[in-house]
Amino acid sequence: MPHITTDDDVKLYYEETGSGLPVVFVHEFAGDYRSYEMQMRYFGQRYRCIAYNARGYPPSDVPKDPAQYSQSRARDDIRAVLDALKIEQAHIVGLSMGGFATLHFGFTYPTRARSLVVAGCGYGAAPDKRAQFAAEAEAAAAHFESETMAKAAAGYALGPTRVQFQNKDRRGWTEFAAQLAEHSTKGSALTMRGVQARRPSLFDLVEQMKTITAPTLIMTGDEDWPCLEPALLMKRTIPTAALVVMPNAGHAINLEDPAAFNAHIADFFHSVDVGAWRKRDPRATGSAILGR
């Protein structure tokens, strides 16, 4: 099984397909490399596509030390994948937990990202939701430990931003829930506590986001309630950002509506690859409503 090794000696499982410019897919908390199968098949026809499992997600290693789980580790694991596969620069696509890692990668390693797709990013970001999110993250981790992921997955897969997927595609949602149930109980709990609960608020990262130079596509479902305001924040703050809001969609937009998700990203990649993506015109941020 193909693995790369990080600088703290954690082995990460990955799969790749296709050839051409590289694209790296970074999965959400409730997903794994399999969540990007429809993207791997589609973009693998034109790009070199890599999807990997985060630490804590077998067949990647599940470190026992809680200190090995953090937002900075998640960010640097993207770099570790690029380094191990001798990729200087890639399109980076991340959803939710992977979206946070992608965003942090963009302002920490600006020369390594050909572009950034930051999708479903924002849980726990609002200042008035920080305490609630931290409490819910700890409760979720404790529930995983007491019930095991095999049992706890069913409830997690039915959150208020997951039911849209279930209603649209019962078969796809059932597969998603079954894969979630296969996740490591220990890895899920450590990831929830170390990466999810402790990551900084997007509202505290405004100055860092202003420095992002890579073309950026922000994506969210219009019923992914915790991500709507953060998506607007990122759009306003990142000078290279465009925003896509997918209609009647929840959190797992790459699974819920893969055709639209892929089409938006394909159009974005094309604009970037032919050099047609532009920074926002500063005049667009003026205070006037109607004109000068």
Protein backbone atom coordinates (compact mmCIF):
# COMPACT_ATOMS: atom_id res chain seq x y z
CA MET A 1 0.00 0.00 0.00
CA PRO A 2 1.48 3.39 -0.95
CA HIS A 3 2.39 5.63 1.98
CA ILE A 4 4.41 8.78 2.52
CA THR A 5 6.10 9.62 5.83
CA THR A 6 5.77 13.00 7.55
CA ASP A 7 8.52 14.82 9.41
CA ASP A 8 7.16 13.50 12.73
CA ASP A 9 7.30 9.93 11.39
CA VAL A 10 3.60 9.38 10.68
CA LYS A 11 2.76 7.31 7.62
CA LEU A 12 -0.05 8.68 5.42
CA TYR A 13 -1.81 6.45 2.91
CA TYR A 14 -2.50 7.93 -0.52
CA GLU A 15 -3.83 6.99 -3.94
CA GLU A 16 -3.19 8.70 -7.25
CA THR A 17 -4.41 8.55 -10.82
CA GLY A 18 -3.91 10.44 -14.07
CA SER A 19 -1.12 12.65 -15.33
CA GLY A 20 -0.48 16.32 -15.92
CA LEU A 21 -0.66 19.19 -13.45
CA PRO A 22 -1.10 17.82 -9.91
CA VAL A 23 -4.23 18.17 -7.79
CA VAL A 24 -4.25 17.17 -4.10
CA PHE A 25 -7.59 16.42 -2.39
CA VAL A 26 -7.84 16.92 1.38
CA HIS A 27 -10.82 15.25 3.04
CA GLU A 28 -13.28 16.32 5.73
CA PHE A 29 -13.59 14.95 9.27
CA ALA A 30 -16.39 12.54 8.36
CA GLY A 31 -14.73 11.43 5.12
CA ASP A 32 -11.49 9.91 3.90
CA TYR A 33 -9.71 9.46 0.58
CA ARG A 34 -12.70 7.47 -0.72
CA SER A 35 -14.89 10.58 -0.42
CA TYR A 36 -13.13 12.01 -3.46
CA GLU A 37 -13.65 9.03 -5.74
CA MET A 38 -15.94 10.95 -8.09
CA GLN A 39 -13.43 13.79 -8.26
CA MET A 40 -10.52 11.39 -8.81
CA ARG A 41 -12.34 9.79 -11.73
CA TYR A 42 -13.35 13.09 -13.29
CA PHE A 43 -10.19 15.14 -12.84
CA GLY A 44 -7.92 12.13 -13.30
CA GLN A 45 -8.72 12.32 -17.01
CA ARG A 46 -6.82 15.63 -17.24
CA TYR A 47 -4.70 15.99 -14.10
CA ARG A 48 -2.43 13.99 -11.82
CA CYS A 49 -4.80 13.50 -8.88
CA ILE A 50 -3.75 12.53 -5.36
CA ALA A 51 -6.08 11.80 -2.43
CA TYR A 52 -4.68 10.83 0.95
CA ASN A 53 -5.94 9.89 4.38
CA ALA A 54 -5.20 12.26 7.24
CA ARG A 55 -3.38 10.99 10.29
CA GLY A 56 -5.82 9.11 12.49
CA TYR A 57 -7.57 7.59 9.46
CA PRO A 58 -6.44 4.04 8.63
CA PRO A 59 -4.70 2.85 6.56
CA SER A 60 -2.77 5.98 7.57
CA ASP A 61 -1.17 5.76 11.00
CA VAL A 62 -3.15 6.56 14.15
CA PRO A 63 -0.62 8.22 16.47
CA LYS A 64 -1.36 7.74 20.16
CA ASP A 65 0.11 11.08 21.26
CA PRO A 66 -2.58 13.82 21.29
CA ALA A 67 0.13 16.39 20.55
CA GLN A 68 0.46 14.93 17.06
CA TYR A 69 -3.02 16.18 16.14
CA SER A 70 -3.38 19.90 15.44
CA GLN A 71 -4.29 22.41 12.76
CA SER A 72 -0.63 23.02 12.02
CA ARG A 73 0.00 19.28 11.63
CA ALA A 74 -2.97 19.00 9.25
CA ARG A 75 -1.57 21.91 7.24
CA ASP A 76 1.95 20.49 7.14
CA ASP A 77 0.72 17.06 6.13
CA ILE A 78 -0.29 18.60 2.79
CA ARG A 79 3.27 19.82 2.39
CA ALA A 80 4.57 16.37 3.36
CA VAL A 81 2.54 14.79 0.57
CA LEU A 82 3.89 17.28 -1.97
CA ASP A 83 7.46 16.83 -0.79
CA ALA A 84 7.33 13.03 -0.77
CA LEU A 85 5.86 12.92 -4.27
CA LYS A 86 8.35 15.56 -5.51
CA ILE A 87 5.61 18.02 -6.42
CA GLU A 88 6.71 21.64 -6.30
CA GLN A 89 3.26 23.17 -6.75
CA ALA A 90 -0.30 21.80 -6.97
CA HIS A 91 -3.95 22.73 -7.04
CA ILE A 92 -5.11 22.04 -3.46
CA VAL A 93 -8.78 21.09 -2.89
CA GLY A 94 -10.07 20.77 0.66
CA LEU A 95 -13.50 20.27 2.20
CA SER A 96 -14.42 21.20 5.79
CA MET A 97 -11.52 19.99 7.97
CA GLY A 98 -9.60 19.71 4.72
CA GLY A 99 -10.75 23.19 3.76
CA PHE A 100 -9.28 24.65 6.94
CA ALA A 101 -5.99 22.84 6.24
CA THR A 102 -6.03 24.12 2.66
CA LEU A 103 -6.64 27.70 3.79
CA HIS A 104 -3.79 27.53 6.31
CA PHE A 105 -1.56 25.98 3.67
CA GLY A 106 -2.34 28.86 1.33
CA PHE A 107 -1.11 31.61 3.64
CA THR A 108 1.77 29.57 5.14
CA TYR A 109 3.27 28.13 1.94
CA PRO A 110 2.23 30.59 -0.77
CA THR A 111 4.64 29.30 -3.41
CA ARG A 112 3.45 25.69 -3.15
CA ALA A 113 -0.20 26.27 -4.12
CA ARG A 114 -1.11 26.68 -7.78
CA SER A 115 -4.62 27.35 -6.54
CA LEU A 116 -6.81 26.76 -3.49
CA VAL A 117 -10.34 25.37 -3.32
CA VAL A 118 -11.71 25.96 0.19
CA ALA A 119 -15.08 24.24 0.49
CA GLY A 120 -17.44 23.83 3.43
CA CYS A 121 -15.09 25.77 5.69
CA GLY A 122 -16.38 27.55 8.79
CA TYR A 123 -17.58 25.26 11.57
CA GLY A 124 -16.97 26.94 14.92
CA ALA A 125 -15.56 30.06 13.26
CA ALA A 126 -18.14 32.63 14.36
CA PRO A 127 -17.01 34.40 17.56
CA ASP A 128 -20.34 33.77 19.31
CA LYS A 129 -20.20 30.04 18.45
CA ARG A 130 -16.69 29.23 19.66
CA ALA A 131 -17.71 27.96 23.10
CA GLN A 132 -20.62 25.97 21.68
CA PHE A 133 -18.44 24.37 19.03
CA ALA A 134 -15.74 23.42 21.53
CA ALA A 135 -18.34 21.86 23.84
CA GLU A 136 -19.97 19.94 20.99
CA ALA A 137 -16.58 18.74 19.72
CA GLU A 138 -15.67 17.39 23.16
CA ALA A 139 -19.09 15.76 23.51
CA ALA A 140 -18.69 14.16 20.07
CA ALA A 141 -15.23 12.83 20.92
CA ALA A 142 -16.50 11.38 24.19
CA HIS A 143 -19.44 9.81 22.35
CA PHE A 144 -17.10 8.20 19.83
CA GLU A 145 -15.09 6.71 22.69
CA SER A 146 -18.07 5.43 24.62
CA GLU A 147 -20.04 4.06 21.67
CA THR A 148 -17.25 3.40 19.09
CA MET A 149 -17.39 4.88 15.61
CA ALA A 150 -19.25 1.83 14.35
CA LYS A 151 -22.25 2.97 16.40
CA ALA A 152 -21.73 6.72 16.70
CA ALA A 153 -21.44 7.24 12.94
CA ALA A 154 -25.17 6.83 12.36
CA GLY A 155 -26.02 9.88 14.46
CA TYR A 156 -23.13 11.98 13.18
CA ALA A 157 -24.16 11.30 9.59
CA LEU A 158 -27.61 12.79 10.31
CA GLY A 159 -26.55 16.26 11.42
CA PRO A 160 -28.54 19.30 10.23
CA THR A 161 -26.17 19.84 7.28
CA ARG A 162 -26.08 16.14 6.30
CA VAL A 163 -29.79 15.45 5.84
CA GLN A 164 -29.73 17.28 2.50
CA PHE A 165 -27.43 14.55 1.17
CA GLN A 166 -29.66 11.81 2.57
CA ASN A 167 -32.75 13.37 0.95
CA LYS A 168 -31.11 13.82 -2.46
CA ASP A 169 -29.17 10.58 -2.73
CA ARG A 170 -30.14 7.89 -0.25
CA ARG A 171 -27.76 5.38 -1.80
CA GLY A 172 -24.81 7.79 -1.75
CA TRP A 173 -25.56 8.87 1.81
CA THR A 174 -25.78 5.23 2.94
CA GLU A 175 -22.34 4.57 1.48
CA PHE A 176 -20.97 7.71 3.19
CA ALA A 177 -22.41 6.64 6.56
CA ALA A 178 -21.04 3.11 6.17
CA GLN A 179 -17.55 4.42 5.41
CA LEU A 180 -17.71 6.76 8.40
CA ALA A 181 -18.57 3.79 10.62
CA GLU A 182 -15.31 2.14 9.53
CA HIS A 183 -13.17 4.98 10.88
CA SER A 184 -10.85 4.52 13.83
CA THR A 185 -12.54 5.35 17.13
CA LYS A 186 -9.27 6.51 18.64
CA GLY A 187 -8.22 8.45 15.56
CA SER A 188 -11.59 10.16 15.29
CA ALA A 189 -11.61 11.22 18.94
CA LEU A 190 -8.04 12.53 18.81
CA THR A 191 -8.74 14.40 15.57
CA MET A 192 -11.92 15.93 16.97
CA ARG A 193 -10.09 17.17 20.06
CA GLY A 194 -6.75 18.11 18.52
CA VAL A 195 -7.65 19.48 15.11
CA GLN A 196 -11.32 20.45 15.15
CA ALA A 197 -11.83 21.85 18.65
CA ARG A 198 -8.52 23.71 18.93
CA ARG A 199 -8.21 25.36 15.53
CA PRO A 200 -8.28 29.16 15.50
CA SER A 201 -11.36 31.06 14.38
CA LEU A 202 -11.35 32.32 10.82
CA PHE A 203 -12.31 35.70 12.23
CA ASP A 204 -8.91 35.75 13.98
CA LEU A 205 -7.07 35.03 10.72
CA VAL A 206 -8.12 38.05 8.67
CA GLU A 207 -4.60 39.49 8.38
CA GLN A 208 -3.17 36.14 7.30
CA MET A 209 -5.92 35.62 4.73
CA LYS A 210 -5.20 39.02 3.21
CA THR A 211 -1.74 37.74 2.25
CA ILE A 212 -2.99 34.81 0.14
CA THR A 213 -1.74 35.17 -3.43
CA ALA A 214 -2.89 31.88 -4.99
CA PRO A 215 -6.15 31.93 -6.97
CA THR A 216 -8.84 30.83 -4.52
CA LEU A 217 -12.31 29.40 -4.91
CA ILE A 218 -14.57 29.44 -1.84
CA MET A 219 -17.46 26.96 -2.03
CA THR A 220 -20.38 26.26 0.28
CA GLY A 221 -23.86 24.83 0.25
CA ASP A 222 -26.62 27.34 0.98
CA GLU A 223 -27.92 25.12 3.82
CA ASP A 224 -24.48 24.59 5.31
CA TRP A 225 -25.41 27.15 7.95
CA PRO A 226 -22.13 27.34 9.92
CA CYS A 227 -20.20 28.02 6.71
CA LEU A 228 -22.23 30.82 5.11
CA GLU A 229 -20.90 33.81 7.05
CA PRO A 230 -17.32 32.46 7.07
CA ALA A 231 -17.56 32.01 3.29
CA LEU A 232 -18.48 35.69 2.93
CA LEU A 233 -15.64 36.63 5.27
CA MET A 234 -13.13 34.71 3.14
CA LYS A 235 -14.54 36.19 -0.05
CA ARG A 236 -14.22 39.73 1.32
CA THR A 237 -10.77 39.14 2.80
CA ILE A 238 -8.84 37.06 0.27
CA PRO A 239 -7.99 39.33 -2.69
CA THR A 240 -7.88 36.43 -5.16
CA ALA A 241 -11.13 34.76 -4.04
CA ALA A 242 -14.35 33.94 -5.83
CA LEU A 243 -17.38 32.49 -4.07
CA VAL A 244 -19.71 29.70 -5.21
CA VAL A 245 -22.88 28.98 -3.22
CA MET A 246 -24.52 25.74 -4.30
CA PRO A 247 -28.35 25.78 -4.03
CA ASN A 248 -30.32 23.56 -1.66
CA ALA A 249 -27.09 21.92 -0.57
CA GLY A 250 -25.63 20.92 2.77
CA HIS A 251 -22.08 20.22 3.89
CA ALA A 252 -20.69 17.34 1.81
CA ILE A 253 -21.16 19.14 -1.51
CA ASN A 254 -18.62 17.01 -3.39
CA LEU A 255 -20.76 13.94 -2.64
CA GLU A 256 -24.17 15.56 -2.62
CA ASP A 257 -23.89 17.17 -6.05
CA PRO A 258 -20.66 15.93 -7.65
CA ALA A 259 -21.48 17.06 -11.19
CA ALA A 260 -21.94 20.71 -10.18
CA PHE A 261 -19.01 20.57 -7.74
CA ASN A 262 -16.72 19.19 -10.43
CA ALA A 263 -17.94 21.66 -13.05
CA HIS A 264 -17.27 24.68 -10.84
CA ILE A 265 -13.77 23.46 -10.03
CA ALA A 266 -12.99 22.48 -13.62
CA ASP A 267 -13.89 25.98 -14.79
CA PHE A 268 -11.77 27.47 -12.00
CA PHE A 269 -8.77 25.26 -12.82
CA HIS A 270 -9.03 26.18 -16.49
CA SER A 271 -9.00 29.91 -15.71
CA VAL A 272 -5.97 29.45 -13.47
CA ASP A 273 -4.09 27.20 -15.88
CA VAL A 274 -4.46 29.58 -18.84
CA GLY A 275 -3.50 32.59 -16.73
CA ALA A 276 -6.92 34.23 -16.82
CA TRP A 277 -7.63 34.36 -13.06
CA ARG A 278 -7.42 37.88 -11.70
CA LYS A 279 -7.16 39.53 -8.34
CA ARG A 280 -10.16 41.57 -7.25
CA ASP A 281 -10.26 45.11 -8.59
CA PRO A 282 -9.71 47.39 -5.56
CA ARG A 283 -12.58 49.57 -6.78
CA ALA A 284 -14.95 46.70 -5.93
CA THR A 285 -14.37 47.27 -2.21
CA GLY A 286 -15.44 50.92 -2.12
CA SER A 287 -17.98 52.10 0.43
CA ALA A 288 -20.42 53.63 -2.07
CA ILE A 289 -23.61 51.71 -2.85
CA LEU A 290 -24.54 53.17 -6.25
CA GLY A 291 -21.37 54.76 -7.57
CA ARG A 292 -18.64 57.29 -6.96
